[in-house]
Amino acid sequence: MEEEVNNVIVLNLGCGGSKRSDEIGIDIQKTQATDVVCNLDACPLPFADNSVDVIRSNHCFEHISDLVGLINEVHRMLKPDGVLEVTVPHVSNIDFWRDPTHKTAFTFRTFDYFVRGLKPVSYTDAEFEYLEKEMRFGKGLRGKVGKLLFKLSPRRYEKYHTWKYPCYELHVKLKALK
């Protein structure tokens, strides 16, 4: 099922109970926002190669057992220069560990494994380029301290300070390279 709005196809992976009006909602459970019921761990997804302009996902990728497999599917479905926009809880977010359905933890550098020129190890041929990469901290004192420490050194922040000054979430926007 592919629906075009202004000739732009936008998917929302793991939409849950909400989506934007321009999005095709995809979720494992049928809700008022779900247009396609689909298990994101079961590939292939029901969309043609190079057919999607934008894929968004908000707090869904942490529920996936095979992140590399899903990234491969996303890359396959995206048109050249298509955009993947993902928000996930940071590994230091206590809510990540509280939810027993969370399977994949994310750090500031997790998506580097899919970015051309940054891959520490190549697990896939799918390649992206960063358009945005942001750590989002809480508004309280610990969030402000964490944000400051992160700005000084992302690596040192995650290695030494992330548990004392936790980050709420990681947001990335990636462009598919084909």
Foldseek 3Di string as FASTA:
>chain_A
DFDADVNAAEEEEQQPADDDPRYAYEHCDDYPRHPHNDDLQDDDDPAAFQRHQEYEYEADLQLHQDNVVSLVNVLRRHHAQGKYKYKHFAQLAVVLVVDPSGHDHDAQCPCLCQAPPRNPDPPDPWYWHWPDKDFAFDPDPLRVVLVVVCVVPVVCSVVPPCNVRPTGMMITMITTHD
